[in-house]
Amino acid sequence: MTSLALVAAPLAAEDSETFLFGGDVFRAGQTVMMDVADADDVFLAGETVSVTAPITGTAHMAGRWLTLRAAVGDGLYAAGQTLSVEAPVTGDASLAGQKIDIREPVSGDLRVFGSEITIDAPVAGSLVAAGEFVSLNAAVDGDMAVTARSLDFGTGAAIAGQLILFEEDPGTLEIPESVAPADRIDRREIEAWERDYARYNPVRPRNVVLSFLTGVLIVTVVAAAVAALAPETMARLRRTVLDAPGRSLATGFVTVSALVGSGIVLGLTLIGLLLLPAAIFLALAAGFAGYVIGAYALGVGILSASGRHDPASTGDRALAAGVGALAAGLVGLVPFVGWLAMVALVLAGAGALCIQILRPRLFSPV
């Protein structure tokens, strides 16, 4: 399976793949530039990622080197090694990386987590920052909560609300009176950070980036392996999802409901409690299989929409698996509606599997 992942890497690195849907832009590759005019929400992933055209909705960016050079009309969600915000963000911004530079205003709340953090532009909302070296050189209109080994304030730094400092030894960090008076400074033990703030952070540098990339890699490897070992079966499954998404979704709903419901019924019989673990395992297995199948079908659909032919080789299948896994992961990050899309993807994949294996009388396989 590792060899399949290695095959996918150079293929994905050749050119960025683009999928346009409902005003949204999905793009992935080695070097990714978002230059589509009048884009709503954008989902970008690659080694070098930049936004050069204004976005009316939210921007989702993941990669190694990230640069925002055009305004974002709503929120910004980004994770990478280096991140430079060189255009204004109208909504909230949640950022994670090793080196992060904020050079243009953020009109909402700013949550930033990294090693070297520099904020040179005003924040209209509240600011939550966690890093080794944090430098604030602009005004914060709301409250600020920060934990850092080194905390510096420039001449333009000013906090209108409360300043909450999390320190290993409270009282160590010196705060100029011009930044915040003593009566608006709350000094707390560093242990309180995890309890008060870290669990609420939507982006946590210690695990979010790693878990996201690990999840994408696992789904990619599994989908690519299955497609390589059973290409005809995988082709039928993804055709079922793409050609009849409504049928697949409905069948998946019934299938997963039946598996979950069987566990409840077995529990009621008392004797059937011995079989309850098997029912739970089958439900989880169906969900995972559904996600893998759905992600692979999504990847094939994206590549087909961009003008590529259906997967005909191991490399094509690995590429489709990687694109689908990445796209599904990025969609899952969308607030409020992302989890609904993930549920639909799982149910559609599980439904296609049920149609192909059990061949219910109401449906005929594609």
Protein backbone atom coordinates (compact mmCIF):
# COMPACT_ATOMS: atom_id res chain seq x y z
CA MET A 1 0.00 0.00 0.00
CA THR A 2 2.92 2.34 0.63
CA SER A 3 4.01 1.94 -2.98
CA LEU A 4 0.59 3.10 -4.14
CA ALA A 5 0.92 6.26 -2.04
CA LEU A 6 4.34 6.87 -3.58
CA VAL A 7 2.85 6.49 -7.05
CA ALA A 8 0.16 9.05 -6.23
CA ALA A 9 2.61 11.67 -4.96
CA PRO A 10 4.40 12.52 -8.23
CA LEU A 11 1.18 12.41 -10.20
CA ALA A 12 -0.50 14.88 -7.87
CA ALA A 13 2.58 17.09 -8.05
CA GLU A 14 2.42 17.66 -11.80
CA ASP A 15 -0.45 20.16 -12.03
CA SER A 16 -3.17 21.43 -9.79
CA GLU A 17 -6.60 19.90 -10.22
CA THR A 18 -9.61 22.24 -10.17
CA PHE A 19 -13.27 21.56 -9.52
CA LEU A 20 -15.86 24.34 -9.77
CA PHE A 21 -19.27 23.81 -8.21
CA GLY A 22 -21.98 26.30 -7.26
CA GLY A 23 -19.56 29.22 -7.23
CA ASP A 24 -17.11 27.34 -5.00
CA VAL A 25 -13.56 26.46 -6.06
CA PHE A 26 -11.79 23.20 -5.13
CA ARG A 27 -8.16 23.06 -6.15
CA ALA A 28 -5.28 20.75 -5.17
CA GLY A 29 -1.77 20.14 -6.44
CA GLN A 30 1.87 20.97 -5.80
CA THR A 31 1.60 24.66 -6.69
CA VAL A 32 -1.91 26.04 -6.26
CA MET A 33 -3.01 29.58 -7.14
CA MET A 34 -6.58 30.73 -6.61
CA ASP A 35 -7.17 33.26 -9.39
CA VAL A 36 -10.82 32.57 -10.16
CA ALA A 37 -12.86 35.76 -10.23
CA ASP A 38 -16.04 36.08 -8.13
CA ALA A 39 -15.40 32.85 -6.20
CA ASP A 40 -17.59 32.13 -3.20
CA ASP A 41 -15.94 29.56 -0.91
CA VAL A 42 -12.54 28.13 -1.84
CA PHE A 43 -10.82 24.91 -0.73
CA LEU A 44 -7.12 24.82 -1.54
CA ALA A 45 -4.40 22.27 -0.72
CA GLY A 46 -0.84 21.92 -1.95
CA GLU A 47 2.81 22.55 -1.19
CA THR A 48 2.68 26.23 -2.26
CA VAL A 49 -0.76 27.81 -2.02
CA SER A 50 -1.69 31.41 -2.77
CA VAL A 51 -4.89 33.40 -3.18
CA THR A 52 -4.64 36.18 -5.76
CA ALA A 53 -8.32 36.88 -6.49
CA PRO A 54 -10.91 38.22 -4.02
CA ILE A 55 -13.18 35.70 -2.31
CA THR A 56 -16.73 36.55 -1.29
CA GLY A 57 -17.12 33.61 1.10
CA THR A 58 -14.70 31.61 3.22
CA ALA A 59 -11.19 30.46 2.38
CA HIS A 60 -9.86 27.04 3.45
CA MET A 61 -6.11 26.58 2.88
CA ALA A 62 -3.77 23.72 3.75
CA GLY A 63 -0.17 23.21 2.64
CA ARG A 64 3.44 24.11 3.29
CA TRP A 65 3.75 27.73 2.17
CA LEU A 66 0.50 29.70 2.25
CA THR A 67 -0.04 33.30 1.14
CA LEU A 68 -3.24 35.33 1.11
CA ARG A 69 -2.86 38.20 -1.37
CA ALA A 70 -6.54 38.99 -2.02
CA ALA A 71 -9.37 39.96 0.32
CA VAL A 72 -11.60 37.35 1.96
CA GLY A 73 -15.24 38.33 2.34
CA ASP A 74 -15.98 35.94 5.19
CA GLY A 75 -13.76 33.63 7.27
CA LEU A 76 -10.25 32.26 6.80
CA TYR A 77 -9.19 28.77 7.93
CA ALA A 78 -5.57 27.91 7.18
CA ALA A 79 -2.88 25.49 8.33
CA GLY A 80 0.67 25.15 7.02
CA GLN A 81 4.35 25.62 7.74
CA THR A 82 4.49 29.31 6.88
CA LEU A 83 1.46 31.54 6.51
CA SER A 84 1.35 35.17 5.41
CA VAL A 85 -1.89 37.18 5.49
CA GLU A 86 -1.30 40.08 3.08
CA ALA A 87 -4.95 40.98 2.43
CA PRO A 88 -7.85 41.91 4.74
CA VAL A 89 -10.17 39.27 6.20
CA THR A 90 -13.73 40.44 6.79
CA GLY A 91 -14.76 37.63 9.15
CA ASP A 92 -12.95 35.45 11.67
CA ALA A 93 -9.56 33.85 11.04
CA SER A 94 -8.30 30.57 12.51
CA LEU A 95 -4.66 29.91 11.64
CA ALA A 96 -2.03 27.32 12.54
CA GLY A 97 1.57 27.03 11.41
CA GLN A 98 5.23 27.35 12.28
CA LYS A 99 5.71 30.97 11.17
CA ILE A 100 2.66 33.20 10.83
CA ASP A 101 2.59 36.87 9.76
CA ILE A 102 -0.60 38.95 9.92
CA ARG A 103 -0.02 42.06 7.80
CA GLU A 104 -3.59 43.14 7.01
CA PRO A 105 -6.64 43.75 9.26
CA VAL A 106 -8.93 41.00 10.54
CA SER A 107 -12.46 42.34 11.02
CA GLY A 108 -13.60 39.45 13.23
CA ASP A 109 -11.92 37.26 15.84
CA LEU A 110 -8.39 35.99 15.30
CA ARG A 111 -7.22 32.62 16.63
CA VAL A 112 -3.59 31.90 15.81
CA PHE A 113 -1.35 29.03 16.91
CA GLY A 114 2.27 28.48 15.93
CA SER A 115 5.92 28.94 16.81
CA GLU A 116 6.69 32.45 15.52
CA ILE A 117 3.65 34.73 15.41
CA THR A 118 3.76 38.36 14.26
CA ILE A 119 0.62 40.51 14.20
CA ASP A 120 1.21 43.82 12.41
CA ALA A 121 -2.42 44.68 11.59
CA PRO A 122 -5.43 45.52 13.78
CA VAL A 123 -7.91 42.92 15.00
CA ALA A 124 -11.48 44.15 15.33
CA GLY A 125 -12.63 41.23 17.49
CA SER A 126 -10.92 39.15 20.14
CA LEU A 127 -7.50 37.55 19.83
CA VAL A 128 -6.38 34.12 21.02
CA ALA A 129 -2.69 33.38 20.45
CA ALA A 130 -0.46 30.48 21.43
CA GLY A 131 3.17 30.28 20.38
CA GLU A 132 6.80 30.36 21.38
CA PHE A 133 7.45 33.88 20.13
CA VAL A 134 4.47 36.23 19.85
CA SER A 135 4.78 39.83 18.68
CA LEU A 136 1.83 42.26 18.68
CA ASN A 137 2.32 45.56 16.86
CA ALA A 138 -1.28 46.66 16.32
CA ALA A 139 -4.52 47.33 18.17
CA VAL A 140 -6.94 44.67 19.40
CA ASP A 141 -10.47 46.00 19.89
CA GLY A 142 -11.62 43.06 22.00
CA ASP A 143 -10.05 40.78 24.61
CA MET A 144 -6.76 38.98 24.17
CA ALA A 145 -5.76 35.61 25.62
CA VAL A 146 -2.16 34.53 25.05
CA THR A 147 0.41 31.97 26.08
CA ALA A 148 3.98 32.43 24.88
CA ARG A 149 7.58 31.95 25.93
CA SER A 150 8.41 35.41 24.59
CA LEU A 151 5.82 38.17 24.26
CA ASP A 152 6.73 41.49 22.60
CA PHE A 153 4.66 44.62 22.03
CA GLY A 154 5.41 47.21 19.35
CA THR A 155 4.61 50.93 19.40
CA GLY A 156 1.17 50.39 17.88
CA ALA A 157 0.09 47.65 20.27
CA ALA A 158 -3.01 48.33 22.36
CA ILE A 159 -5.66 46.05 23.84
CA ALA A 160 -9.06 47.62 24.41
CA GLY A 161 -10.47 44.69 26.41
CA GLN A 162 -9.05 42.34 28.97
CA LEU A 163 -5.60 40.79 28.61
CA ILE A 164 -5.41 37.22 29.91
CA LEU A 165 -1.87 35.91 30.29
CA PHE A 166 -1.10 32.22 30.79
CA GLU A 167 2.38 31.91 32.30
CA GLU A 168 4.49 29.21 33.90
CA ASP A 169 5.35 31.75 36.58
CA PRO A 170 2.58 34.41 36.70
CA GLY A 171 4.05 37.89 36.77
CA THR A 172 7.10 37.09 34.63
CA LEU A 173 5.94 38.82 31.44
CA GLU A 174 6.12 42.60 31.52
CA ILE A 175 3.20 44.47 29.96
CA PRO A 176 3.58 48.18 29.10
CA GLU A 177 0.90 50.47 30.52
CA SER A 178 0.17 51.71 27.00
CA VAL A 179 -0.83 48.19 25.95
CA ALA A 180 -3.13 47.39 28.87
CA PRO A 181 -3.33 48.84 32.40
CA ALA A 182 -2.73 46.53 35.34
CA ASP A 183 -6.41 46.44 36.33
CA ARG A 184 -7.29 44.85 32.96
CA ILE A 185 -4.61 42.15 33.10
CA ASP A 186 -5.51 38.67 34.37
CA ARG A 187 -2.49 36.44 35.02
CA ARG A 188 -3.14 32.69 35.22
CA GLU A 189 -1.14 29.49 35.55
CA ILE A 190 -0.18 27.85 32.25
CA GLU A 191 -2.09 24.71 33.26
CA ALA A 192 -5.33 26.71 33.02
CA TRP A 193 -4.82 27.20 29.28
CA GLU A 194 -5.88 23.68 28.42
CA ARG A 195 -8.94 23.95 30.63
CA ASP A 196 -10.08 27.44 29.67
CA TYR A 197 -9.12 27.83 26.02
CA ALA A 198 -7.36 24.99 24.23
CA ARG A 199 -10.34 22.64 24.20
CA TYR A 200 -12.44 25.27 22.41
CA ASN A 201 -9.92 26.10 19.73
CA PRO A 202 -11.03 25.00 16.24
CA VAL A 203 -7.39 24.69 15.15
CA ARG A 204 -4.83 23.15 17.49
CA PRO A 205 -1.28 22.96 16.10
CA ARG A 206 -0.34 19.90 18.10
CA ASN A 207 -2.78 17.56 16.45
CA VAL A 208 -5.11 19.09 13.86
CA VAL A 209 -2.70 19.30 10.94
CA LEU A 210 -1.18 15.90 11.66
CA SER A 211 -4.52 14.17 12.18
CA PHE A 212 -5.97 15.76 9.03
CA LEU A 213 -3.06 14.70 6.84
CA THR A 214 -2.96 11.25 8.46
CA GLY A 215 -6.66 10.75 7.79
CA VAL A 216 -6.27 11.81 4.17
CA LEU A 217 -3.31 9.47 3.74
CA ILE A 218 -5.13 6.49 5.28
CA VAL A 219 -8.19 6.93 3.08
CA THR A 220 -5.98 7.45 0.03
CA VAL A 221 -3.94 4.30 0.64
CA VAL A 222 -6.98 2.13 1.40
CA ALA A 223 -8.97 3.38 -1.60
CA ALA A 224 -5.98 3.08 -3.93
CA ALA A 225 -5.20 -0.44 -2.70
CA VAL A 226 -8.78 -1.65 -3.16
CA ALA A 227 -8.98 -0.01 -6.60
CA ALA A 228 -5.70 -1.66 -7.61
CA LEU A 229 -6.60 -5.12 -6.29
CA ALA A 230 -10.22 -5.09 -7.46
CA PRO A 231 -10.46 -2.48 -10.22
CA GLU A 232 -13.70 -3.71 -11.76
CA THR A 233 -15.47 -3.89 -8.40
CA MET A 234 -14.32 -0.41 -7.43
CA ALA A 235 -15.34 0.90 -10.84
CA ARG A 236 -18.86 -0.48 -10.40
CA LEU A 237 -19.10 1.01 -6.91
CA ARG A 238 -18.03 4.50 -7.93
CA ARG A 239 -20.31 4.38 -11.01
CA THR A 240 -23.19 3.51 -8.70
CA VAL A 241 -22.44 6.53 -6.52
CA LEU A 242 -21.92 8.96 -9.41
CA ASP A 243 -24.70 7.74 -11.69
CA ALA A 244 -27.36 7.27 -9.01
CA PRO A 245 -26.42 9.34 -5.93
CA GLY A 246 -29.98 9.53 -4.64
CA ARG A 247 -30.48 5.79 -4.83
CA SER A 248 -27.13 5.16 -3.17
CA LEU A 249 -27.90 7.63 -0.41
CA ALA A 250 -31.31 6.12 0.32
CA THR A 251 -29.97 2.57 0.32
CA GLY A 252 -27.09 3.59 2.56
CA PHE A 253 -29.48 5.18 5.04
CA VAL A 254 -31.51 1.99 5.23
CA THR A 255 -28.40 -0.20 5.46
CA VAL A 256 -26.70 1.73 8.27
CA SER A 257 -30.01 2.16 10.11
CA ALA A 258 -30.59 -1.59 9.94
CA LEU A 259 -27.12 -2.33 11.31
CA VAL A 260 -27.46 0.15 14.16
CA GLY A 261 -31.01 -0.94 14.88
CA SER A 262 -30.00 -4.58 14.99
CA GLY A 263 -27.66 -3.77 17.85
CA ILE A 264 -30.53 -2.22 19.80
CA VAL A 265 -32.80 -5.21 19.13
CA LEU A 266 -30.08 -7.67 20.13
CA GLY A 267 -29.57 -5.77 23.36
CA LEU A 268 -33.27 -6.02 24.19
CA THR A 269 -33.18 -9.81 23.94
CA LEU A 270 -30.49 -10.02 26.65
CA ILE A 271 -29.19 -13.26 25.12
CA GLY A 272 -28.34 -11.26 22.00
CA LEU A 273 -26.02 -9.05 24.02
CA LEU A 274 -23.28 -11.52 23.14
CA LEU A 275 -23.71 -10.53 19.50
CA LEU A 276 -23.89 -6.80 20.18
CA PRO A 277 -20.15 -6.21 19.61
CA ALA A 278 -20.44 -7.87 16.19
CA ALA A 279 -23.34 -5.59 15.24
CA ILE A 280 -21.41 -2.52 16.34
CA PHE A 281 -18.35 -3.68 14.40
CA LEU A 282 -20.41 -4.22 11.24
CA ALA A 283 -21.95 -0.74 11.54
CA LEU A 284 -18.52 0.87 11.95
CA ALA A 285 -17.05 -1.21 9.13
CA ALA A 286 -19.91 -0.22 6.82
CA GLY A 287 -19.36 3.43 7.72
CA PHE A 288 -15.62 3.29 7.00
CA ALA A 289 -16.13 1.34 3.78
CA GLY A 290 -18.79 3.85 2.74
CA TYR A 291 -16.43 6.76 3.36
CA VAL A 292 -13.63 5.14 1.34
CA ILE A 293 -15.95 4.36 -1.57
CA GLY A 294 -17.56 7.79 -1.42
CA ALA A 295 -14.20 9.57 -1.33
CA TYR A 296 -12.92 7.55 -4.30
CA ALA A 297 -16.08 8.31 -6.28
CA LEU A 298 -15.71 12.00 -5.38
CA GLY A 299 -12.12 11.98 -6.65
CA VAL A 300 -13.13 10.36 -9.93
CA GLY A 301 -15.95 12.90 -10.28
CA ILE A 302 -13.59 15.85 -9.70
CA LEU A 303 -11.02 14.55 -12.17
CA SER A 304 -13.71 13.83 -14.77
CA ALA A 305 -15.11 17.35 -14.36
CA SER A 306 -11.61 18.74 -14.97
CA GLY A 307 -11.37 16.86 -18.28
CA ARG A 308 -9.46 13.73 -17.29
CA HIS A 309 -10.51 10.26 -18.43
CA ASP A 310 -11.82 7.58 -16.10
CA PRO A 311 -9.09 5.79 -14.11
CA ALA A 312 -7.46 3.18 -16.33
CA SER A 313 -4.19 2.48 -14.53
CA THR A 314 -2.94 2.05 -10.99
CA GLY A 315 -1.52 5.57 -11.07
CA ASP A 316 -4.87 7.03 -12.20
CA ARG A 317 -6.69 5.20 -9.43
CA ALA A 318 -4.19 6.33 -6.81
CA LEU A 319 -4.52 9.93 -8.02
CA ALA A 320 -8.34 9.72 -7.87
CA ALA A 321 -8.14 8.29 -4.36
CA GLY A 322 -5.84 11.09 -3.20
CA VAL A 323 -7.89 13.88 -4.76
CA GLY A 324 -11.13 12.45 -3.34
CA ALA A 325 -9.72 11.93 0.15
CA LEU A 326 -8.32 15.47 0.23
CA ALA A 327 -11.51 17.03 -1.12
CA ALA A 328 -13.67 15.10 1.35
CA GLY A 329 -11.41 16.14 4.21
CA LEU A 330 -11.54 19.81 3.22
CA VAL A 331 -15.32 19.75 2.83
CA GLY A 332 -15.55 18.22 6.30
CA LEU A 333 -13.83 21.32 7.72
CA VAL A 334 -16.68 23.60 6.63
CA PRO A 335 -18.54 24.79 9.74
CA PHE A 336 -22.10 23.56 10.31
CA VAL A 337 -22.61 21.87 6.92
CA GLY A 338 -19.35 19.94 6.63
CA TRP A 339 -20.45 17.09 8.86
CA LEU A 340 -23.71 16.75 6.89
CA ALA A 341 -21.71 16.37 3.70
CA MET A 342 -19.57 13.70 5.37
CA VAL A 343 -22.66 11.78 6.51
CA ALA A 344 -24.06 11.93 2.98
CA LEU A 345 -20.75 10.70 1.57
CA VAL A 346 -20.63 7.77 4.01
CA LEU A 347 -24.24 6.79 3.33
CA ALA A 348 -23.82 7.01 -0.45
CA GLY A 349 -20.75 4.78 -0.35
CA ALA A 350 -22.37 2.29 2.01
CA GLY A 351 -25.47 2.25 -0.19
CA ALA A 352 -23.44 1.51 -3.32
CA LEU A 353 -21.76 -1.39 -1.49
CA CYS A 354 -25.12 -2.79 -0.41
CA ILE A 355 -26.53 -2.49 -3.94
CA GLN A 356 -23.58 -4.35 -5.46
CA ILE A 357 -23.40 -7.11 -2.82
CA LEU A 358 -27.01 -7.74 -1.79
CA ARG A 359 -28.69 -6.57 -5.03
CA PRO A 360 -31.98 -5.48 -3.40
CA ARG A 361 -35.01 -6.07 -5.61
CA LEU A 362 -35.90 -2.39 -5.77
CA PHE A 363 -32.54 -1.58 -7.33
CA SER A 364 -30.40 -3.05 -10.03
CA PRO A 365 -26.62 -2.53 -10.00
CA VAL A 366 -25.13 -0.10 -12.50
